[in-house]
Amino acid sequence: MDIVTEGPTLVLSGNFNGRSTSEVRSALRRQLATPEHKIVVDLTEVELVDVPALRVLAFASHEASRTGHHVTLRGCGPAVLRMLHLTRLMRFVELEQKAA
């Protein structure tokens, strides 16, 4: 898992699974500690995701709302969307709307 911070955006690539959750959690905590209120997690290059990884994103979204921040997921591919629906975690995250 590679994590690149581009301003208020975290760009993740590779396999986002239980092994990489602590890295992503730490990166999200750093973002939530900044004055920037709109945080984007770009998952365009994520090839594989599992339930613990999605729980990290759902929890970050919850924590963000409690602290006046907002987390949006960008570039969710079919595998990520499928897992969000299967785990019923879709209701805890917000997806970036695509431009029409």
PDB file of N, CA and C in Angstrom:
ATOM      1  N   MET A   1       0.851  -1.172   0.000  1.00  0.00           N
ATOM      2  CA  MET A   1       0.000   0.000   0.000  1.00  0.00           C
ATOM      3  C   MET A   1       0.892   1.228   0.000  1.00  0.00           C
ATOM      4  N   ASP A   2       0.650   2.096  -0.959  1.00  0.00           N
ATOM      5  CA  ASP A   2       1.326   3.387  -1.019  1.00  0.00           C
ATOM      6  C   ASP A   2       0.326   4.469  -0.662  1.00  0.00           C
ATOM      7  N   ILE A   3       0.783   5.438   0.132  1.00  0.00           N
ATOM      8  CA  ILE A   3      -0.057   6.560   0.539  1.00  0.00           C
ATOM      9  C   ILE A   3       0.691   7.843   0.204  1.00  0.00           C
ATOM     10  N   VAL A   4       0.067   8.682  -0.592  1.00  0.00           N
ATOM     11  CA  VAL A   4       0.649   9.971  -0.955  1.00  0.00           C
ATOM     12  C   VAL A   4      -0.324  11.051  -0.493  1.00  0.00           C
ATOM     13  N   THR A   5       0.204  12.043   0.195  1.00  0.00           N
ATOM     14  CA  THR A   5      -0.621  13.164   0.643  1.00  0.00           C
ATOM     15  C   THR A   5      -0.429  14.325  -0.319  1.00  0.00           C
ATOM     16  N   GLU A   6      -1.522  14.767  -0.907  1.00  0.00           N
ATOM     17  CA  GLU A   6      -1.518  15.908  -1.816  1.00  0.00           C
ATOM     18  C   GLU A   6      -2.482  16.947  -1.260  1.00  0.00           C
ATOM     19  N   GLY A   7      -1.982  17.798  -0.381  1.00  0.00           N
ATOM     20  CA  GLY A   7      -2.855  18.774   0.278  1.00  0.00           C
ATOM     21  C   GLY A   7      -3.874  18.052   1.132  1.00  0.00           C
ATOM     22  N   PRO A   8      -5.164  18.325   0.906  1.00  0.00           N
ATOM     23  CA  PRO A   8      -6.200  17.669   1.700  1.00  0.00           C
ATOM     24  C   PRO A   8      -6.598  16.284   1.161  1.00  0.00           C
ATOM     25  N   THR A   9      -5.851  15.786   0.178  1.00  0.00           N
ATOM     26  CA  THR A   9      -6.185  14.503  -0.451  1.00  0.00           C
ATOM     27  C   THR A   9      -5.166  13.435  -0.090  1.00  0.00           C
ATOM     28  N   LEU A  10      -5.668  12.271   0.312  1.00  0.00           N
ATOM     29  CA  LEU A  10      -4.830  11.089   0.503  1.00  0.00           C
ATOM     30  C   LEU A  10      -5.049  10.197  -0.705  1.00  0.00           C
ATOM     31  N   VAL A  11      -3.979   9.908  -1.424  1.00  0.00           N
ATOM     32  CA  VAL A  11      -4.064   9.043  -2.594  1.00  0.00           C
ATOM     33  C   VAL A  11      -3.519   7.675  -2.193  1.00  0.00           C
ATOM     34  N   LEU A  12      -4.398   6.669  -2.231  1.00  0.00           N
ATOM     35  CA  LEU A  12      -4.007   5.307  -1.878  1.00  0.00           C
ATOM     36  C   LEU A  12      -3.855   4.484  -3.141  1.00  0.00           C
ATOM     37  N   SER A  13      -2.873   3.591  -3.137  1.00  0.00           N
ATOM     38  CA  SER A  13      -2.713   2.691  -4.280  1.00  0.00           C
ATOM     39  C   SER A  13      -2.206   1.345  -3.784  1.00  0.00           C
ATOM     40  N   GLY A  14      -2.570   0.309  -4.532  1.00  0.00           N
ATOM     41  CA  GLY A  14      -2.170  -1.044  -4.167  1.00  0.00           C
ATOM     42  C   GLY A  14      -3.296  -1.773  -3.464  1.00  0.00           C
ATOM     43  N   ASN A  15      -2.919  -2.687  -2.579  1.00  0.00           N
ATOM     44  CA  ASN A  15      -3.892  -3.473  -1.828  1.00  0.00           C
ATOM     45  C   ASN A  15      -4.145  -2.823  -0.479  1.00  0.00           C
ATOM     46  N   PHE A  16      -5.376  -2.442  -0.251  1.00  0.00           N
ATOM     47  CA  PHE A  16      -5.775  -1.832   1.017  1.00  0.00           C
ATOM     48  C   PHE A  16      -6.467  -2.909   1.826  1.00  0.00           C
ATOM     49  N   ASN A  17      -5.706  -3.474   2.766  1.00  0.00           N
ATOM     50  CA  ASN A  17      -6.242  -4.579   3.560  1.00  0.00           C
ATOM     51  C   ASN A  17      -5.811  -4.436   5.013  1.00  0.00           C
ATOM     52  N   GLY A  18      -6.080  -5.448   5.795  1.00  0.00           N
ATOM     53  CA  GLY A  18      -5.767  -5.421   7.217  1.00  0.00           C
ATOM     54  C   GLY A  18      -4.323  -5.082   7.532  1.00  0.00           C
ATOM     55  N   ARG A  19      -3.415  -5.429   6.656  1.00  0.00           N
ATOM     56  CA  ARG A  19      -1.996  -5.146   6.891  1.00  0.00           C
ATOM     57  C   ARG A  19      -1.667  -3.666   6.774  1.00  0.00           C
ATOM     58  N   SER A  20      -2.450  -2.938   6.022  1.00  0.00           N
ATOM     59  CA  SER A  20      -2.141  -1.522   5.791  1.00  0.00           C
ATOM     60  C   SER A  20      -3.072  -0.568   6.542  1.00  0.00           C
ATOM     61  N   THR A  21      -3.977  -1.103   7.341  1.00  0.00           N
ATOM     62  CA  THR A  21      -4.940  -0.224   8.005  1.00  0.00           C
ATOM     63  C   THR A  21      -4.279   0.745   8.978  1.00  0.00           C
ATOM     64  N   SER A  22      -3.256   0.324   9.682  1.00  0.00           N
ATOM     65  CA  SER A  22      -2.633   1.234  10.650  1.00  0.00           C
ATOM     66  C   SER A  22      -1.965   2.413   9.940  1.00  0.00           C
ATOM     67  N   GLU A  23      -1.350   2.161   8.785  1.00  0.00           N
ATOM     68  CA  GLU A  23      -0.739   3.251   8.015  1.00  0.00           C
ATOM     69  C   GLU A  23      -1.792   4.255   7.559  1.00  0.00           C
ATOM     70  N   VAL A  24      -2.890   3.739   7.031  1.00  0.00           N
ATOM     71  CA  VAL A  24      -3.965   4.602   6.532  1.00  0.00           C
ATOM     72  C   VAL A  24      -4.621   5.327   7.694  1.00  0.00           C
ATOM     73  N   ARG A  25      -4.840   4.637   8.787  1.00  0.00           N
ATOM     74  CA  ARG A  25      -5.435   5.267   9.967  1.00  0.00           C
ATOM     75  C   ARG A  25      -4.566   6.432  10.447  1.00  0.00           C
ATOM     76  N   SER A  26      -3.257   6.230  10.481  1.00  0.00           N
ATOM     77  CA  SER A  26      -2.338   7.295  10.902  1.00  0.00           C
ATOM     78  C   SER A  26      -2.377   8.475   9.944  1.00  0.00           C
ATOM     79  N   ALA A  27      -2.407   8.193   8.655  1.00  0.00           N
ATOM     80  CA  ALA A  27      -2.473   9.267   7.657  1.00  0.00           C
ATOM     81  C   ALA A  27      -3.779  10.042   7.789  1.00  0.00           C
ATOM     82  N   LEU A  28      -4.877   9.349   8.032  1.00  0.00           N
ATOM     83  CA  LEU A  28      -6.164  10.019   8.222  1.00  0.00           C
ATOM     84  C   LEU A  28      -6.166  10.872   9.491  1.00  0.00           C
ATOM     85  N   ARG A  29      -5.560  10.372  10.546  1.00  0.00           N
ATOM     86  CA  ARG A  29      -5.480  11.158  11.785  1.00  0.00           C
ATOM     87  C   ARG A  29      -4.697  12.448  11.563  1.00  0.00           C
ATOM     88  N   ARG A  30      -3.599  12.347  10.807  1.00  0.00           N
ATOM     89  CA  ARG A  30      -2.823  13.556  10.499  1.00  0.00           C
ATOM     90  C   ARG A  30      -3.672  14.549   9.720  1.00  0.00           C
ATOM     91  N   GLN A  31      -4.450  14.056   8.767  1.00  0.00           N
ATOM     92  CA  GLN A  31      -5.310  14.940   7.978  1.00  0.00           C
ATOM     93  C   GLN A  31      -6.386  15.580   8.853  1.00  0.00           C
ATOM     94  N   LEU A  32      -6.946  14.802   9.768  1.00  0.00           N
ATOM     95  CA  LEU A  32      -7.994  15.323  10.648  1.00  0.00           C
ATOM     96  C   LEU A  32      -7.453  16.345  11.646  1.00  0.00           C
ATOM     97  N   ALA A  33      -6.142  16.350  11.858  1.00  0.00           N
ATOM     98  CA  ALA A  33      -5.523  17.309  12.778  1.00  0.00           C
ATOM     99  C   ALA A  33      -5.213  18.639  12.088  1.00  0.00           C
ATOM    100  N   THR A  34      -5.389  18.709  10.775  1.00  0.00           N
ATOM    101  CA  THR A  34      -5.110  19.942  10.045  1.00  0.00           C
ATOM    102  C   THR A  34      -6.347  20.840  10.049  1.00  0.00           C
ATOM    103  N   PRO A  35      -6.153  22.119   9.725  1.00  0.00           N
ATOM    104  CA  PRO A  35      -7.308  23.015   9.673  1.00  0.00           C
ATOM    105  C   PRO A  35      -8.203  22.793   8.443  1.00  0.00           C
ATOM    106  N   GLU A  36      -7.725  22.009   7.488  1.00  0.00           N
ATOM    107  CA  GLU A  36      -8.523  21.721   6.284  1.00  0.00           C
ATOM    108  C   GLU A  36      -9.716  20.858   6.685  1.00  0.00           C
ATOM    109  N   HIS A  37     -10.917  21.289   6.317  1.00  0.00           N
ATOM    110  CA  HIS A  37     -12.116  20.570   6.743  1.00  0.00           C
ATOM    111  C   HIS A  37     -12.625  19.561   5.727  1.00  0.00           C
ATOM    112  N   LYS A  38     -12.239  19.699   4.479  1.00  0.00           N
ATOM    113  CA  LYS A  38     -12.689  18.758   3.451  1.00  0.00           C
ATOM    114  C   LYS A  38     -11.518  17.855   3.073  1.00  0.00           C
ATOM    115  N   ILE A  39     -11.642  16.602   3.424  1.00  0.00           N
ATOM    116  CA  ILE A  39     -10.591  15.613   3.173  1.00  0.00           C
ATOM    117  C   ILE A  39     -11.110  14.625   2.140  1.00  0.00           C
ATOM    118  N   VAL A  40     -10.270  14.331   1.157  1.00  0.00           N
ATOM    119  CA  VAL A  40     -10.631  13.387   0.104  1.00  0.00           C
ATOM    120  C   VAL A  40      -9.695  12.190   0.199  1.00  0.00           C
ATOM    121  N   VAL A  41     -10.258  10.994   0.140  1.00  0.00           N
ATOM    122  CA  VAL A  41      -9.463   9.766   0.073  1.00  0.00           C
ATOM    123  C   VAL A  41      -9.656   9.216  -1.330  1.00  0.00           C
ATOM    124  N   ASP A  42      -8.590   9.276  -2.121  1.00  0.00           N
ATOM    125  CA  ASP A  42      -8.641   8.840  -3.518  1.00  0.00           C
ATOM    126  C   ASP A  42      -8.286   7.352  -3.584  1.00  0.00           C
ATOM    127  N   LEU A  43      -9.254   6.545  -3.993  1.00  0.00           N
ATOM    128  CA  LEU A  43      -9.085   5.089  -4.065  1.00  0.00           C
ATOM    129  C   LEU A  43      -8.975   4.592  -5.509  1.00  0.00           C
ATOM    130  N   THR A  44      -8.743   5.501  -6.434  1.00  0.00           N
ATOM    131  CA  THR A  44      -8.705   5.141  -7.851  1.00  0.00           C
ATOM    132  C   THR A  44      -7.732   4.011  -8.136  1.00  0.00           C
ATOM    133  N   GLU A  45      -6.574   4.021  -7.489  1.00  0.00           N
ATOM    134  CA  GLU A  45      -5.531   3.024  -7.751  1.00  0.00           C
ATOM    135  C   GLU A  45      -5.539   1.849  -6.770  1.00  0.00           C
ATOM    136  N   VAL A  46      -6.601   1.741  -5.969  1.00  0.00           N
ATOM    137  CA  VAL A  46      -6.702   0.613  -5.042  1.00  0.00           C
ATOM    138  C   VAL A  46      -7.210  -0.595  -5.809  1.00  0.00           C
ATOM    139  N   GLU A  47      -6.443  -1.678  -5.757  1.00  0.00           N
ATOM    140  CA  GLU A  47      -6.769  -2.883  -6.514  1.00  0.00           C
ATOM    141  C   GLU A  47      -7.626  -3.859  -5.717  1.00  0.00           C
ATOM    142  N   LEU A  48      -7.409  -3.896  -4.413  1.00  0.00           N
ATOM    143  CA  LEU A  48      -8.083  -4.864  -3.551  1.00  0.00           C
ATOM    144  C   LEU A  48      -8.386  -4.190  -2.221  1.00  0.00           C
ATOM    145  N   VAL A  49      -9.552  -4.461  -1.671  1.00  0.00           N
ATOM    146  CA  VAL A  49      -9.926  -3.898  -0.373  1.00  0.00           C
ATOM    147  C   VAL A  49     -10.627  -4.989   0.434  1.00  0.00           C
ATOM    148  N   ASP A  50     -10.446  -4.943   1.766  1.00  0.00           N
ATOM    149  CA  ASP A  50     -11.142  -5.913   2.607  1.00  0.00           C
ATOM    150  C   ASP A  50     -11.959  -5.182   3.674  1.00  0.00           C
ATOM    151  N   VAL A  51     -12.656  -5.936   4.494  1.00  0.00           N
ATOM    152  CA  VAL A  51     -13.569  -5.364   5.477  1.00  0.00           C
ATOM    153  C   VAL A  51     -12.841  -4.493   6.505  1.00  0.00           C
ATOM    154  N   PRO A  52     -11.724  -4.938   7.093  1.00  0.00           N
ATOM    155  CA  PRO A  52     -11.047  -4.053   8.056  1.00  0.00           C
ATOM    156  C   PRO A  52     -10.647  -2.706   7.442  1.00  0.00           C
ATOM    157  N   ALA A  53     -10.248  -2.708   6.195  1.00  0.00           N
ATOM    158  CA  ALA A  53      -9.873  -1.461   5.527  1.00  0.00           C
ATOM    159  C   ALA A  53     -11.079  -0.537   5.382  1.00  0.00           C
ATOM    160  N   LEU A  54     -12.199  -1.089   4.995  1.00  0.00           N
ATOM    161  CA  LEU A  54     -13.405  -0.276   4.842  1.00  0.00           C
ATOM    162  C   LEU A  54     -13.885   0.253   6.187  1.00  0.00           C
ATOM    163  N   ARG A  55     -13.687  -0.512   7.228  1.00  0.00           N
ATOM    164  CA  ARG A  55     -14.067  -0.040   8.569  1.00  0.00           C
ATOM    165  C   ARG A  55     -13.240   1.177   8.970  1.00  0.00           C
ATOM    166  N   VAL A  56     -11.974   1.206   8.579  1.00  0.00           N
ATOM    167  CA  VAL A  56     -11.130   2.367   8.858  1.00  0.00           C
ATOM    168  C   VAL A  56     -11.716   3.611   8.188  1.00  0.00           C
ATOM    169  N   LEU A  57     -12.141   3.472   6.944  1.00  0.00           N
ATOM    170  CA  LEU A  57     -12.723   4.609   6.222  1.00  0.00           C
ATOM    171  C   LEU A  57     -14.051   5.051   6.846  1.00  0.00           C
ATOM    172  N   ALA A  58     -14.873   4.089   7.233  1.00  0.00           N
ATOM    173  CA  ALA A  58     -16.155   4.421   7.852  1.00  0.00           C
ATOM    174  C   ALA A  58     -15.936   5.119   9.194  1.00  0.00           C
ATOM    175  N   PHE A  59     -14.996   4.624   9.975  1.00  0.00           N
ATOM    176  CA  PHE A  59     -14.720   5.237  11.270  1.00  0.00           C
ATOM    177  C   PHE A  59     -14.141   6.640  11.087  1.00  0.00           C
ATOM    178  N   ALA A  60     -13.264   6.804  10.098  1.00  0.00           N
ATOM    179  CA  ALA A  60     -12.690   8.131   9.825  1.00  0.00           C
ATOM    180  C   ALA A  60     -13.787   9.110   9.432  1.00  0.00           C
ATOM    181  N   SER A  61     -14.744   8.668   8.653  1.00  0.00           N
ATOM    182  CA  SER A  61     -15.868   9.530   8.269  1.00  0.00           C
ATOM    183  C   SER A  61     -16.671   9.943   9.495  1.00  0.00           C
ATOM    184  N   HIS A  62     -16.900   8.998  10.377  1.00  0.00           N
ATOM    185  CA  HIS A  62     -17.638   9.284  11.611  1.00  0.00           C
ATOM    186  C   HIS A  62     -16.872  10.282  12.480  1.00  0.00           C
ATOM    187  N   GLU A  63     -15.586  10.031  12.691  1.00  0.00           N
ATOM    188  CA  GLU A  63     -14.759  10.923  13.501  1.00  0.00           C
ATOM    189  C   GLU A  63     -14.675  12.317  12.885  1.00  0.00           C
ATOM    190  N   ALA A  64     -14.578  12.358  11.570  1.00  0.00           N
ATOM    191  CA  ALA A  64     -14.491  13.645  10.874  1.00  0.00           C
ATOM    192  C   ALA A  64     -15.729  14.477  11.153  1.00  0.00           C
ATOM    193  N   SER A  65     -16.887  13.870  11.079  1.00  0.00           N
ATOM    194  CA  SER A  65     -18.127  14.620  11.302  1.00  0.00           C
ATOM    195  C   SER A  65     -18.224  15.126  12.742  1.00  0.00           C
ATOM    196  N   ARG A  66     -17.655  14.390  13.666  1.00  0.00           N
ATOM    197  CA  ARG A  66     -17.676  14.828  15.069  1.00  0.00           C
ATOM    198  C   ARG A  66     -16.766  16.026  15.312  1.00  0.00           C
ATOM    199  N   THR A  67     -15.760  16.202  14.477  1.00  0.00           N
ATOM    200  CA  THR A  67     -14.785  17.276  14.675  1.00  0.00           C
ATOM    201  C   THR A  67     -14.936  18.406  13.662  1.00  0.00           C
ATOM    202  N   GLY A  68     -16.034  18.399  12.907  1.00  0.00           N
ATOM    203  CA  GLY A  68     -16.264  19.468  11.949  1.00  0.00           C
ATOM    204  C   GLY A  68     -15.563  19.278  10.617  1.00  0.00           C
ATOM    205  N   HIS A  69     -15.024  18.096  10.387  1.00  0.00           N
ATOM    206  CA  HIS A  69     -14.377  17.766   9.120  1.00  0.00           C
ATOM    207  C   HIS A  69     -15.342  16.965   8.249  1.00  0.00           C
ATOM    208  N   HIS A  70     -14.914  16.720   7.036  1.00  0.00           N
ATOM    209  CA  HIS A  70     -15.750  15.970   6.099  1.00  0.00           C
ATOM    210  C   HIS A  70     -14.833  15.098   5.243  1.00  0.00           C
ATOM    211  N   VAL A  71     -15.099  13.798   5.202  1.00  0.00           N
ATOM    212  CA  VAL A  71     -14.303  12.862   4.398  1.00  0.00           C
ATOM    213  C   VAL A  71     -15.142  12.372   3.222  1.00  0.00           C
ATOM    214  N   THR A  72     -14.563  12.460   2.039  1.00  0.00           N
ATOM    215  CA  THR A  72     -15.215  11.994   0.816  1.00  0.00           C
ATOM    216  C   THR A  72     -14.307  10.978   0.143  1.00  0.00           C
ATOM    217  N   LEU A  73     -14.899   9.904  -0.365  1.00  0.00           N
ATOM    218  CA  LEU A  73     -14.141   8.892  -1.104  1.00  0.00           C
ATOM    219  C   LEU A  73     -14.241   9.184  -2.587  1.00  0.00           C
ATOM    220  N   ARG A  74     -13.102   9.141  -3.266  1.00  0.00           N
ATOM    221  CA  ARG A  74     -13.031   9.407  -4.705  1.00  0.00           C
ATOM    222  C   ARG A  74     -12.538   8.158  -5.427  1.00  0.00           C
ATOM    223  N   GLY A  75     -13.064   7.945  -6.606  1.00  0.00           N
ATOM    224  CA  GLY A  75     -12.536   6.909  -7.488  1.00  0.00           C
ATOM    225  C   GLY A  75     -12.755   5.488  -7.017  1.00  0.00           C
ATOM    226  N   CYS A  76     -13.881   5.232  -6.399  1.00  0.00           N
ATOM    227  CA  CYS A  76     -14.165   3.864  -5.937  1.00  0.00           C
ATOM    228  C   CYS A  76     -14.470   2.973  -7.139  1.00  0.00           C
ATOM    229  N   GLY A  77     -13.623   1.993  -7.363  1.00  0.00           N
ATOM    230  CA  GLY A  77     -13.831   1.054  -8.460  1.00  0.00           C
ATOM    231  C   GLY A  77     -14.873   0.015  -8.091  1.00  0.00           C
ATOM    232  N   PRO A  78     -15.181  -0.872  -9.026  1.00  0.00           N
ATOM    233  CA  PRO A  78     -16.206  -1.898  -8.792  1.00  0.00           C
ATOM    234  C   PRO A  78     -15.942  -2.763  -7.565  1.00  0.00           C
ATOM    235  N   ALA A  79     -14.691  -3.134  -7.321  1.00  0.00           N
ATOM    236  CA  ALA A  79     -14.373  -3.998  -6.178  1.00  0.00           C
ATOM    237  C   ALA A  79     -14.651  -3.273  -4.863  1.00  0.00           C
ATOM    238  N   VAL A  80     -14.286  -2.004  -4.798  1.00  0.00           N
ATOM    239  CA  VAL A  80     -14.520  -1.220  -3.583  1.00  0.00           C
ATOM    240  C   VAL A  80     -16.017  -1.005  -3.375  1.00  0.00           C
ATOM    241  N   LEU A  81     -16.714  -0.633  -4.418  1.00  0.00           N
ATOM    242  CA  LEU A  81     -18.162  -0.417  -4.317  1.00  0.00           C
ATOM    243  C   LEU A  81     -18.888  -1.688  -3.893  1.00  0.00           C
ATOM    244  N   ARG A  82     -18.485  -2.807  -4.470  1.00  0.00           N
ATOM    245  CA  ARG A  82     -19.115  -4.087  -4.128  1.00  0.00           C
ATOM    246  C   ARG A  82     -18.943  -4.385  -2.635  1.00  0.00           C
ATOM    247  N   MET A  83     -17.712  -4.187  -2.133  1.00  0.00           N
ATOM    248  CA  MET A  83     -17.456  -4.460  -0.719  1.00  0.00           C
ATOM    249  C   MET A  83     -18.203  -3.481   0.189  1.00  0.00           C
ATOM    250  N   LEU A  84     -18.307  -2.221  -0.226  1.00  0.00           N
ATOM    251  CA  LEU A  84     -19.070  -1.243   0.562  1.00  0.00           C
ATOM    252  C   LEU A  84     -20.534  -1.659   0.678  1.00  0.00           C
ATOM    253  N   HIS A  85     -21.083  -2.162  -0.413  1.00  0.00           N
ATOM    254  CA  HIS A  85     -22.478  -2.609  -0.399  1.00  0.00           C
ATOM    255  C   HIS A  85     -22.640  -3.903   0.404  1.00  0.00           C
ATOM    256  N   LEU A  86     -21.770  -4.876   0.169  1.00  0.00           N
ATOM    257  CA  LEU A  86     -21.875  -6.163   0.867  1.00  0.00           C
ATOM    258  C   LEU A  86     -21.743  -6.015   2.374  1.00  0.00           C
ATOM    259  N   THR A  87     -20.877  -5.119   2.806  1.00  0.00           N
ATOM    260  CA  THR A  87     -20.648  -4.931   4.241  1.00  0.00           C
ATOM    261  C   THR A  87     -21.624  -3.941   4.865  1.00  0.00           C
ATOM    262  N   ARG A  88     -22.439  -3.314   4.028  1.00  0.00           N
ATOM    263  CA  ARG A  88     -23.393  -2.298   4.467  1.00  0.00           C
ATOM    264  C   ARG A  88     -22.708  -1.072   5.066  1.00  0.00           C
ATOM    265  N   LEU A  89     -21.438  -0.876   4.714  1.00  0.00           N
ATOM    266  CA  LEU A  89     -20.712   0.296   5.173  1.00  0.00           C
ATOM    267  C   LEU A  89     -20.938   1.503   4.262  1.00  0.00           C
ATOM    268  N   MET A  90     -21.626   1.288   3.148  1.00  0.00           N
ATOM    269  CA  MET A  90     -21.907   2.375   2.208  1.00  0.00           C
ATOM    270  C   MET A  90     -22.639   3.530   2.903  1.00  0.00           C
ATOM    271  N   ARG A  91     -23.482   3.197   3.861  1.00  0.00           N
ATOM    272  CA  ARG A  91     -24.274   4.238   4.519  1.00  0.00           C
ATOM    273  C   ARG A  91     -23.442   5.113   5.460  1.00  0.00           C
ATOM    274  N   PHE A  92     -22.199   4.707   5.732  1.00  0.00           N
ATOM    275  CA  PHE A  92     -21.345   5.469   6.641  1.00  0.00           C
ATOM    276  C   PHE A  92     -20.298   6.316   5.936  1.00  0.00           C
ATOM    277  N   VAL A  93     -20.230   6.217   4.629  1.00  0.00           N
ATOM    278  CA  VAL A  93     -19.243   6.989   3.863  1.00  0.00           C
ATOM    279  C   VAL A  93     -19.945   7.806   2.796  1.00  0.00           C
ATOM    280  N   GLU A  94     -19.236   8.806   2.310  1.00  0.00           N
ATOM    281  CA  GLU A  94     -19.771   9.618   1.220  1.00  0.00           C
ATOM    282  C   GLU A  94     -18.855   9.474   0.012  1.00  0.00           C
ATOM    283  N   LEU A  95     -19.469   9.231  -1.140  1.00  0.00           N
ATOM    284  CA  LEU A  95     -18.725   9.109  -2.386  1.00  0.00           C
ATOM    285  C   LEU A  95     -18.749  10.433  -3.121  1.00  0.00           C
ATOM    286  N   GLU A  96     -17.631  10.770  -3.729  1.00  0.00           N
ATOM    287  CA  GLU A  96     -17.577  11.981  -4.531  1.00  0.00           C
ATOM    288  C   GLU A  96     -18.459  11.813  -5.762  1.00  0.00           C
ATOM    289  N   GLN A  97     -19.257  12.820  -6.021  1.00  0.00           N
ATOM    290  CA  GLN A  97     -20.134  12.787  -7.208  1.00  0.00           C
ATOM    291  C   GLN A  97     -19.311  13.079  -8.453  1.00  0.00           C
ATOM    292  N   LYS A  98     -19.536  12.309  -9.485  1.00  0.00           N
ATOM    293  CA  LYS A  98     -18.851  12.526 -10.758  1.00  0.00           C
ATOM    294  C   LYS A  98     -19.490  13.686 -11.482  1.00  0.00           C
ATOM    295  N   ALA A  99     -18.663  14.464 -12.173  1.00  0.00           N
ATOM    296  CA  ALA A  99     -19.182  15.586 -12.953  1.00  0.00           C
ATOM    297  C   ALA A  99     -20.018  15.043 -14.111  1.00  0.00           C
ATOM    298  N   ALA A 100     -21.120  15.716 -14.396  1.00  0.00           N
ATOM    299  CA  ALA A 100     -22.024  15.261 -15.465  1.00  0.00           C
ATOM    300  C   ALA A 100     -21.487  15.635 -16.815  1.00  0.00           C
TER     301      ALA A 100
END
